[in-house]
Amino acid sequence: MAKIEHSPTLNTVIMVETTLKNMENSIMTIPELKRKLPKKVNHNTLMTILEYLEKSNKILMSVKGIIYTHTSPRIFKKMMAEGIEH
């Protein structure tokens, strides 16, 4: 029989994503993220969530830390309408 791994709850995924989305700096390390989370999250669970967020193109992870890259459709449409040239 295959061993079933524990999966994070949707609430935990949303909590981690919201914390990353609202970070003050443009980059956050994993230890900083753990301190900023409203509730403690098991390290392996957190890594599973970060892997999911990276695969869904919401974050980039590097040696220096985590960068939140996902832009809401509303903000993206506004950026496209305004363009980079004036």
N, C-alpha and C. Protein backbone atom coordinates (compact mmCIF):
# COMPACT_ATOMS: atom_id res chain seq x y z
N MET A 1 0.83 -1.19 0.00
CA MET A 1 0.00 0.00 0.00
C MET A 1 0.87 1.25 0.00
N ALA A 2 0.52 2.23 -0.83
CA ALA A 2 1.28 3.46 -0.91
C ALA A 2 0.98 4.35 0.29
N LYS A 3 2.01 5.01 0.78
CA LYS A 3 1.84 5.92 1.91
C LYS A 3 1.26 7.24 1.40
N ILE A 4 0.20 7.69 2.04
CA ILE A 4 -0.44 8.95 1.67
C ILE A 4 0.20 10.07 2.48
N GLU A 5 0.74 11.05 1.74
CA GLU A 5 1.36 12.19 2.42
C GLU A 5 0.29 13.18 2.86
N HIS A 6 0.62 13.90 3.92
CA HIS A 6 -0.29 14.94 4.42
C HIS A 6 -0.29 16.11 3.45
N SER A 7 -1.45 16.59 3.10
CA SER A 7 -1.58 17.74 2.21
C SER A 7 -2.01 18.96 3.01
N PRO A 8 -1.50 20.13 2.64
CA PRO A 8 -1.93 21.34 3.35
C PRO A 8 -3.40 21.64 3.07
N THR A 9 -4.05 22.25 4.03
CA THR A 9 -5.44 22.65 3.82
C THR A 9 -5.49 23.90 2.96
N LEU A 10 -6.62 24.13 2.35
CA LEU A 10 -6.79 25.32 1.52
C LEU A 10 -6.58 26.58 2.35
N ASN A 11 -7.06 26.58 3.58
CA ASN A 11 -6.88 27.75 4.46
C ASN A 11 -5.41 28.06 4.68
N THR A 12 -4.60 27.02 4.83
CA THR A 12 -3.17 27.23 5.05
C THR A 12 -2.50 27.76 3.79
N VAL A 13 -2.88 27.24 2.63
CA VAL A 13 -2.33 27.73 1.36
C VAL A 13 -2.68 29.21 1.19
N ILE A 14 -3.92 29.56 1.45
CA ILE A 14 -4.37 30.95 1.32
C ILE A 14 -3.63 31.85 2.31
N MET A 15 -3.43 31.38 3.54
CA MET A 15 -2.72 32.16 4.55
C MET A 15 -1.29 32.46 4.09
N VAL A 16 -0.60 31.45 3.56
CA VAL A 16 0.77 31.66 3.10
C VAL A 16 0.79 32.60 1.90
N GLU A 17 -0.10 32.39 0.94
CA GLU A 17 -0.13 33.25 -0.25
C GLU A 17 -0.46 34.70 0.13
N THR A 18 -1.40 34.90 1.02
CA THR A 18 -1.76 36.25 1.44
C THR A 18 -0.59 36.94 2.14
N THR A 19 0.13 36.21 2.98
CA THR A 19 1.30 36.76 3.66
C THR A 19 2.34 37.19 2.64
N LEU A 20 2.59 36.37 1.63
CA LEU A 20 3.56 36.72 0.59
C LEU A 20 3.07 37.91 -0.24
N LYS A 21 1.79 37.91 -0.57
CA LYS A 21 1.23 38.99 -1.38
C LYS A 21 1.35 40.34 -0.67
N ASN A 22 1.22 40.34 0.66
CA ASN A 22 1.22 41.58 1.42
C ASN A 22 2.58 41.92 2.03
N MET A 23 3.65 41.25 1.60
CA MET A 23 4.95 41.51 2.19
C MET A 23 5.41 42.92 1.87
N GLU A 24 6.13 43.52 2.84
CA GLU A 24 6.57 44.90 2.69
C GLU A 24 7.73 45.03 1.72
N ASN A 25 8.67 44.09 1.79
CA ASN A 25 9.83 44.12 0.90
C ASN A 25 9.52 43.32 -0.35
N SER A 26 10.34 43.47 -1.37
CA SER A 26 10.10 42.75 -2.61
C SER A 26 10.55 41.30 -2.54
N ILE A 27 11.33 40.96 -1.51
CA ILE A 27 11.82 39.59 -1.36
C ILE A 27 11.75 39.20 0.11
N MET A 28 11.44 37.93 0.37
CA MET A 28 11.31 37.44 1.75
C MET A 28 11.95 36.06 1.84
N THR A 29 12.72 35.85 2.89
CA THR A 29 13.33 34.54 3.09
C THR A 29 12.32 33.61 3.77
N ILE A 30 12.60 32.33 3.73
CA ILE A 30 11.70 31.36 4.37
C ILE A 30 11.62 31.61 5.89
N PRO A 31 12.74 31.85 6.59
CA PRO A 31 12.62 32.16 8.02
C PRO A 31 11.78 33.42 8.30
N GLU A 32 11.91 34.44 7.45
CA GLU A 32 11.08 35.65 7.61
C GLU A 32 9.61 35.32 7.40
N LEU A 33 9.33 34.50 6.39
CA LEU A 33 7.95 34.11 6.11
C LEU A 33 7.37 33.37 7.30
N LYS A 34 8.13 32.45 7.87
CA LYS A 34 7.65 31.70 9.04
C LYS A 34 7.31 32.64 10.19
N ARG A 35 8.11 33.70 10.40
CA ARG A 35 7.83 34.66 11.48
C ARG A 35 6.61 35.52 11.19
N LYS A 36 6.37 35.82 9.91
CA LYS A 36 5.25 36.69 9.53
C LYS A 36 3.90 35.97 9.48
N LEU A 37 3.91 34.65 9.36
CA LEU A 37 2.65 33.92 9.27
C LEU A 37 1.85 34.05 10.57
N PRO A 38 0.53 34.25 10.47
CA PRO A 38 -0.29 34.40 11.68
C PRO A 38 -0.33 33.13 12.53
N LYS A 39 -0.15 31.97 11.91
CA LYS A 39 -0.14 30.69 12.62
C LYS A 39 1.10 29.92 12.21
N LYS A 40 1.58 29.06 13.12
CA LYS A 40 2.72 28.21 12.80
C LYS A 40 2.34 27.20 11.73
N VAL A 41 3.29 26.95 10.82
CA VAL A 41 3.10 25.97 9.77
C VAL A 41 4.31 25.04 9.78
N ASN A 42 4.06 23.75 9.74
CA ASN A 42 5.12 22.76 9.68
C ASN A 42 6.02 23.06 8.47
N HIS A 43 7.33 22.89 8.63
CA HIS A 43 8.29 23.22 7.57
C HIS A 43 7.98 22.45 6.28
N ASN A 44 7.74 21.14 6.39
CA ASN A 44 7.45 20.34 5.19
C ASN A 44 6.16 20.79 4.51
N THR A 45 5.17 21.16 5.31
CA THR A 45 3.91 21.66 4.75
C THR A 45 4.16 22.99 4.03
N LEU A 46 4.94 23.86 4.65
CA LEU A 46 5.27 25.15 4.03
C LEU A 46 6.00 24.94 2.71
N MET A 47 6.94 24.02 2.68
CA MET A 47 7.69 23.76 1.45
C MET A 47 6.78 23.21 0.36
N THR A 48 5.80 22.39 0.72
CA THR A 48 4.82 21.89 -0.24
C THR A 48 4.01 23.04 -0.82
N ILE A 49 3.59 23.96 0.03
CA ILE A 49 2.82 25.13 -0.41
C ILE A 49 3.66 26.00 -1.34
N LEU A 50 4.91 26.25 -0.96
CA LEU A 50 5.79 27.09 -1.79
C LEU A 50 6.04 26.43 -3.15
N GLU A 51 6.18 25.11 -3.16
CA GLU A 51 6.36 24.39 -4.42
C GLU A 51 5.13 24.56 -5.30
N TYR A 52 3.94 24.44 -4.70
CA TYR A 52 2.70 24.64 -5.45
C TYR A 52 2.60 26.07 -6.00
N LEU A 53 2.91 27.07 -5.17
CA LEU A 53 2.82 28.46 -5.61
C LEU A 53 3.83 28.75 -6.73
N GLU A 54 4.99 28.11 -6.67
CA GLU A 54 5.98 28.30 -7.72
C GLU A 54 5.53 27.64 -9.02
N LYS A 55 4.98 26.43 -8.93
CA LYS A 55 4.48 25.74 -10.13
C LYS A 55 3.31 26.47 -10.76
N SER A 56 2.54 27.19 -9.96
CA SER A 56 1.39 27.93 -10.50
C SER A 56 1.77 29.37 -10.87
N ASN A 57 3.08 29.64 -10.91
CA ASN A 57 3.63 30.95 -11.33
C ASN A 57 3.17 32.13 -10.48
N LYS A 58 2.98 31.88 -9.20
CA LYS A 58 2.60 32.96 -8.29
C LYS A 58 3.81 33.49 -7.54
N ILE A 59 4.86 32.68 -7.42
CA ILE A 59 6.09 33.12 -6.75
C ILE A 59 7.29 32.64 -7.55
N LEU A 60 8.42 33.28 -7.29
CA LEU A 60 9.72 32.81 -7.75
C LEU A 60 10.55 32.57 -6.51
N MET A 61 11.25 31.45 -6.47
CA MET A 61 12.12 31.17 -5.33
C MET A 61 13.56 31.17 -5.83
N SER A 62 14.43 31.85 -5.07
CA SER A 62 15.84 31.88 -5.40
C SER A 62 16.64 31.68 -4.13
N VAL A 63 17.95 31.71 -4.26
CA VAL A 63 18.83 31.57 -3.11
C VAL A 63 18.58 32.71 -2.12
N LYS A 64 18.25 33.89 -2.62
CA LYS A 64 18.04 35.06 -1.76
C LYS A 64 16.69 35.07 -1.08
N GLY A 65 15.72 34.37 -1.63
CA GLY A 65 14.40 34.35 -1.01
C GLY A 65 13.27 34.15 -1.99
N ILE A 66 12.09 34.57 -1.57
CA ILE A 66 10.85 34.37 -2.31
C ILE A 66 10.34 35.72 -2.81
N ILE A 67 9.92 35.75 -4.07
CA ILE A 67 9.35 36.96 -4.66
C ILE A 67 7.93 36.63 -5.10
N TYR A 68 6.96 37.42 -4.70
CA TYR A 68 5.58 37.22 -5.14
C TYR A 68 5.42 37.87 -6.50
N THR A 69 5.02 37.11 -7.51
CA THR A 69 4.97 37.62 -8.88
C THR A 69 3.57 37.68 -9.47
N HIS A 70 2.60 37.07 -8.83
CA HIS A 70 1.25 37.00 -9.40
C HIS A 70 0.58 38.36 -9.35
N THR A 71 0.02 38.75 -10.48
CA THR A 71 -0.71 40.02 -10.56
C THR A 71 -2.17 39.70 -10.85
N SER A 72 -3.05 40.36 -10.13
CA SER A 72 -4.48 40.11 -10.36
C SER A 72 -4.86 40.58 -11.77
N PRO A 73 -5.85 39.96 -12.38
CA PRO A 73 -6.26 40.36 -13.74
C PRO A 73 -6.62 41.84 -13.84
N ARG A 74 -7.23 42.38 -12.79
CA ARG A 74 -7.62 43.80 -12.81
C ARG A 74 -6.38 44.70 -12.90
N ILE A 75 -5.36 44.42 -12.09
CA ILE A 75 -4.13 45.21 -12.10
C ILE A 75 -3.41 45.02 -13.43
N PHE A 76 -3.37 43.78 -13.93
CA PHE A 76 -2.70 43.49 -15.19
C PHE A 76 -3.36 44.25 -16.34
N LYS A 77 -4.70 44.25 -16.38
CA LYS A 77 -5.40 44.98 -17.44
C LYS A 77 -5.10 46.47 -17.38
N LYS A 78 -5.02 47.02 -16.16
CA LYS A 78 -4.71 48.44 -15.99
C LYS A 78 -3.29 48.72 -16.48
N MET A 79 -2.34 47.85 -16.15
CA MET A 79 -0.97 48.02 -16.60
C MET A 79 -0.90 47.98 -18.12
N MET A 80 -1.64 47.07 -18.74
CA MET A 80 -1.62 46.94 -20.20
C MET A 80 -2.26 48.17 -20.86
N ALA A 81 -3.33 48.69 -20.25
CA ALA A 81 -4.01 49.85 -20.82
C ALA A 81 -3.14 51.10 -20.75
N GLU A 82 -2.42 51.24 -19.62
CA GLU A 82 -1.59 52.42 -19.44
C GLU A 82 -0.28 52.31 -20.20
N GLY A 83 0.22 51.10 -20.36
CA GLY A 83 1.49 50.90 -21.06
C GLY A 83 2.65 51.46 -20.29
N ILE A 84 3.84 51.32 -20.86
CA ILE A 84 5.03 51.85 -20.19
C ILE A 84 5.48 53.17 -20.77
N GLU A 85 4.91 53.56 -21.93
CA GLU A 85 5.25 54.84 -22.53
C GLU A 85 4.08 55.81 -22.35
N HIS A 86 4.38 57.04 -22.13
CA HIS A 86 3.31 58.06 -21.97
C HIS A 86 3.33 59.04 -23.08
